[in-house]
Amino acid sequence: MSTPKIEIYTKFACPYCVRARMLLKRKGVEFEEYDITLGGAKREEMLQRAPAARTVPQIFIGDYHVGGSDELHALDREGKLDGLLHP
């Protein structure tokens, strides 16, 4: 079975974005990163996918909206992240 597409919307110099990227790298998964520092189409795309999101990072694993870095780390602590990354 293949790994779901992992996408993360970030901004320049965001410490929460760095934490989220580091965790995903430690898990050994590849991800698409979209820098929305200057706004643009990817920022609008993020808002379409997560209308209430106003902070970064915003993380998606397949069609599942994880939320931000805190939510990603909570999933890992609860032992649920690996199941999402490697179904």
N, C-alpha and C. Protein backbone atom coordinates (compact mmCIF):
# COMPACT_ATOMS: atom_id res chain seq x y z
N MET A 1 0.85 -1.18 0.00
CA MET A 1 0.00 0.00 0.00
C MET A 1 0.89 1.24 0.00
N SER A 2 0.51 2.26 -0.73
CA SER A 2 1.33 3.45 -0.84
C SER A 2 1.07 4.43 0.30
N THR A 3 2.04 5.27 0.51
CA THR A 3 1.94 6.30 1.55
C THR A 3 1.05 7.42 1.04
N PRO A 4 0.19 7.98 1.89
CA PRO A 4 -0.65 9.09 1.44
C PRO A 4 0.20 10.35 1.19
N LYS A 5 -0.32 11.21 0.35
CA LYS A 5 0.36 12.48 0.08
C LYS A 5 0.32 13.32 1.35
N ILE A 6 1.48 13.85 1.72
CA ILE A 6 1.58 14.69 2.92
C ILE A 6 1.93 16.10 2.44
N GLU A 7 1.13 17.07 2.88
CA GLU A 7 1.32 18.46 2.48
C GLU A 7 1.37 19.34 3.73
N ILE A 8 2.28 20.31 3.70
CA ILE A 8 2.42 21.22 4.82
C ILE A 8 2.58 22.65 4.28
N TYR A 9 1.72 23.52 4.78
CA TYR A 9 1.77 24.94 4.42
C TYR A 9 2.57 25.65 5.51
N THR A 10 3.60 26.41 5.10
CA THR A 10 4.51 27.03 6.06
C THR A 10 4.75 28.50 5.73
N LYS A 11 5.43 29.17 6.65
CA LYS A 11 5.92 30.53 6.42
C LYS A 11 7.38 30.59 6.85
N PHE A 12 8.09 31.52 6.28
CA PHE A 12 9.51 31.71 6.57
C PHE A 12 9.72 32.02 8.05
N ALA A 13 10.73 31.40 8.64
CA ALA A 13 11.16 31.65 10.03
C ALA A 13 10.10 31.29 11.06
N CYS A 14 9.24 30.34 10.74
CA CYS A 14 8.19 29.90 11.66
C CYS A 14 8.72 28.73 12.49
N PRO A 15 8.91 28.89 13.81
CA PRO A 15 9.46 27.80 14.61
C PRO A 15 8.54 26.57 14.69
N TYR A 16 7.22 26.79 14.64
CA TYR A 16 6.29 25.66 14.65
C TYR A 16 6.39 24.86 13.35
N CYS A 17 6.65 25.56 12.26
CA CYS A 17 6.83 24.89 10.97
C CYS A 17 8.09 24.03 11.01
N VAL A 18 9.15 24.55 11.61
CA VAL A 18 10.40 23.81 11.73
C VAL A 18 10.17 22.54 12.55
N ARG A 19 9.46 22.65 13.67
CA ARG A 19 9.18 21.48 14.52
C ARG A 19 8.39 20.41 13.75
N ALA A 20 7.39 20.85 13.00
CA ALA A 20 6.56 19.90 12.25
C ALA A 20 7.38 19.21 11.17
N ARG A 21 8.19 19.98 10.44
CA ARG A 21 9.04 19.39 9.39
C ARG A 21 10.03 18.40 9.99
N MET A 22 10.61 18.75 11.14
CA MET A 22 11.57 17.86 11.78
C MET A 22 10.93 16.52 12.16
N LEU A 23 9.71 16.57 12.70
CA LEU A 23 9.02 15.34 13.07
C LEU A 23 8.74 14.48 11.85
N LEU A 24 8.25 15.11 10.78
CA LEU A 24 7.97 14.34 9.57
C LEU A 24 9.25 13.73 9.00
N LYS A 25 10.35 14.46 9.05
CA LYS A 25 11.63 13.93 8.56
C LYS A 25 12.09 12.76 9.43
N ARG A 26 11.93 12.88 10.75
CA ARG A 26 12.30 11.77 11.64
C ARG A 26 11.47 10.53 11.35
N LYS A 27 10.24 10.74 10.90
CA LYS A 27 9.37 9.61 10.55
C LYS A 27 9.74 9.01 9.21
N GLY A 28 10.63 9.68 8.47
CA GLY A 28 11.10 9.15 7.20
C GLY A 28 10.13 9.26 6.06
N VAL A 29 9.23 10.23 6.13
CA VAL A 29 8.25 10.39 5.05
C VAL A 29 8.58 11.62 4.22
N GLU A 30 8.22 11.55 2.97
CA GLU A 30 8.37 12.70 2.08
C GLU A 30 7.12 13.54 2.15
N PHE A 31 7.28 14.84 1.99
CA PHE A 31 6.13 15.73 2.03
C PHE A 31 6.34 16.90 1.08
N GLU A 32 5.22 17.45 0.65
CA GLU A 32 5.22 18.66 -0.18
C GLU A 32 5.09 19.85 0.76
N GLU A 33 5.97 20.81 0.61
CA GLU A 33 5.90 22.02 1.44
C GLU A 33 5.54 23.21 0.57
N TYR A 34 4.58 23.99 1.05
CA TYR A 34 4.14 25.18 0.33
C TYR A 34 4.40 26.39 1.21
N ASP A 35 5.31 27.27 0.77
CA ASP A 35 5.64 28.48 1.52
C ASP A 35 4.61 29.56 1.17
N ILE A 36 3.83 29.96 2.17
CA ILE A 36 2.80 30.97 1.92
C ILE A 36 3.15 32.31 2.57
N THR A 37 4.45 32.53 2.80
CA THR A 37 4.91 33.76 3.45
C THR A 37 4.35 35.00 2.76
N LEU A 38 4.36 34.99 1.45
CA LEU A 38 3.90 36.17 0.70
C LEU A 38 2.46 36.04 0.22
N GLY A 39 1.74 35.08 0.76
CA GLY A 39 0.33 34.90 0.36
C GLY A 39 0.26 34.14 -0.95
N GLY A 40 -0.62 34.59 -1.80
CA GLY A 40 -0.73 33.98 -3.13
C GLY A 40 -1.70 32.81 -3.20
N ALA A 41 -1.59 32.09 -4.30
CA ALA A 41 -2.54 31.02 -4.62
C ALA A 41 -2.50 29.89 -3.60
N LYS A 42 -1.32 29.54 -3.11
CA LYS A 42 -1.22 28.44 -2.13
C LYS A 42 -1.86 28.84 -0.80
N ARG A 43 -1.77 30.11 -0.41
CA ARG A 43 -2.45 30.55 0.81
C ARG A 43 -3.95 30.43 0.63
N GLU A 44 -4.45 30.84 -0.50
CA GLU A 44 -5.87 30.72 -0.79
C GLU A 44 -6.31 29.26 -0.81
N GLU A 45 -5.46 28.41 -1.37
CA GLU A 45 -5.74 26.98 -1.39
C GLU A 45 -5.84 26.44 0.04
N MET A 46 -4.90 26.84 0.90
CA MET A 46 -4.92 26.40 2.30
C MET A 46 -6.23 26.83 2.97
N LEU A 47 -6.64 28.05 2.74
CA LEU A 47 -7.87 28.56 3.35
C LEU A 47 -9.11 27.85 2.82
N GLN A 48 -9.07 27.41 1.57
CA GLN A 48 -10.18 26.63 1.02
C GLN A 48 -10.26 25.27 1.69
N ARG A 49 -9.09 24.68 1.92
CA ARG A 49 -9.04 23.34 2.52
C ARG A 49 -9.30 23.36 4.03
N ALA A 50 -8.89 24.44 4.68
CA ALA A 50 -9.06 24.58 6.13
C ALA A 50 -9.55 26.00 6.41
N PRO A 51 -10.84 26.25 6.21
CA PRO A 51 -11.37 27.61 6.29
C PRO A 51 -11.11 28.35 7.61
N ALA A 52 -11.01 27.64 8.70
CA ALA A 52 -10.79 28.31 9.99
C ALA A 52 -9.31 28.53 10.29
N ALA A 53 -8.44 28.04 9.44
CA ALA A 53 -7.00 28.13 9.69
C ALA A 53 -6.49 29.55 9.46
N ARG A 54 -5.81 30.06 10.47
CA ARG A 54 -5.19 31.38 10.34
C ARG A 54 -3.72 31.35 10.74
N THR A 55 -3.25 30.17 11.13
CA THR A 55 -1.86 30.02 11.54
C THR A 55 -1.19 28.94 10.70
N VAL A 56 0.12 28.92 10.76
CA VAL A 56 0.89 27.88 10.10
C VAL A 56 1.74 27.18 11.14
N PRO A 57 2.11 25.96 10.89
CA PRO A 57 1.82 25.20 9.69
C PRO A 57 0.40 24.67 9.69
N GLN A 58 -0.07 24.33 8.53
CA GLN A 58 -1.30 23.55 8.36
C GLN A 58 -0.88 22.30 7.62
N ILE A 59 -1.21 21.15 8.20
CA ILE A 59 -0.70 19.88 7.72
C ILE A 59 -1.87 18.99 7.28
N PHE A 60 -1.69 18.37 6.12
CA PHE A 60 -2.66 17.44 5.57
C PHE A 60 -1.97 16.13 5.26
N ILE A 61 -2.58 15.04 5.71
CA ILE A 61 -2.10 13.70 5.37
C ILE A 61 -3.23 13.06 4.57
N GLY A 62 -3.00 12.94 3.27
CA GLY A 62 -4.08 12.54 2.38
C GLY A 62 -5.18 13.58 2.47
N ASP A 63 -6.41 13.16 2.68
CA ASP A 63 -7.52 14.10 2.81
C ASP A 63 -7.75 14.54 4.25
N TYR A 64 -6.95 14.00 5.18
CA TYR A 64 -7.13 14.31 6.60
C TYR A 64 -6.40 15.59 6.98
N HIS A 65 -7.12 16.55 7.53
CA HIS A 65 -6.52 17.80 8.00
C HIS A 65 -6.07 17.61 9.44
N VAL A 66 -4.77 17.52 9.62
CA VAL A 66 -4.18 17.32 10.95
C VAL A 66 -4.35 18.57 11.79
N GLY A 67 -4.09 19.72 11.18
CA GLY A 67 -4.05 20.98 11.91
C GLY A 67 -2.61 21.47 11.91
N GLY A 68 -2.15 21.95 13.07
CA GLY A 68 -0.82 22.51 13.16
C GLY A 68 0.19 21.58 13.80
N SER A 69 1.31 22.16 14.18
CA SER A 69 2.41 21.41 14.78
C SER A 69 1.99 20.74 16.08
N ASP A 70 1.26 21.45 16.92
CA ASP A 70 0.82 20.87 18.20
C ASP A 70 -0.04 19.63 17.98
N GLU A 71 -0.94 19.69 17.02
CA GLU A 71 -1.81 18.55 16.72
C GLU A 71 -1.01 17.39 16.14
N LEU A 72 -0.03 17.71 15.30
CA LEU A 72 0.83 16.66 14.72
C LEU A 72 1.60 15.93 15.82
N HIS A 73 2.18 16.70 16.74
CA HIS A 73 2.94 16.10 17.84
C HIS A 73 2.03 15.34 18.79
N ALA A 74 0.81 15.81 18.99
CA ALA A 74 -0.15 15.10 19.85
C ALA A 74 -0.48 13.74 19.24
N LEU A 75 -0.69 13.69 17.93
CA LEU A 75 -0.95 12.41 17.26
C LEU A 75 0.22 11.45 17.47
N ASP A 76 1.43 11.99 17.40
CA ASP A 76 2.60 11.15 17.59
C ASP A 76 2.66 10.62 19.03
N ARG A 77 2.43 11.48 20.01
CA ARG A 77 2.44 11.06 21.41
C ARG A 77 1.38 10.00 21.70
N GLU A 78 0.24 10.11 21.02
CA GLU A 78 -0.87 9.17 21.23
C GLU A 78 -0.68 7.88 20.43
N GLY A 79 0.39 7.81 19.65
CA GLY A 79 0.64 6.61 18.86
C GLY A 79 -0.22 6.49 17.62
N LYS A 80 -0.82 7.59 17.18
CA LYS A 80 -1.73 7.55 16.04
C LYS A 80 -1.10 8.04 14.73
N LEU A 81 0.04 8.73 14.82
CA LEU A 81 0.62 9.33 13.63
C LEU A 81 1.14 8.28 12.66
N ASP A 82 1.82 7.27 13.15
CA ASP A 82 2.39 6.26 12.25
C ASP A 82 1.31 5.57 11.43
N GLY A 83 0.15 5.34 12.04
CA GLY A 83 -0.96 4.72 11.31
C GLY A 83 -1.48 5.58 10.18
N LEU A 84 -1.41 6.90 10.35
CA LEU A 84 -1.83 7.82 9.29
C LEU A 84 -0.78 7.88 8.18
N LEU A 85 0.49 7.86 8.59
CA LEU A 85 1.58 7.98 7.62
C LEU A 85 1.80 6.71 6.82
N HIS A 86 1.53 5.55 7.47
CA HIS A 86 1.78 4.25 6.85
C HIS A 86 0.55 3.36 7.03
N PRO A 87 -0.54 3.68 6.31
CA PRO A 87 -1.77 2.89 6.51
C PRO A 87 -1.62 1.44 6.06
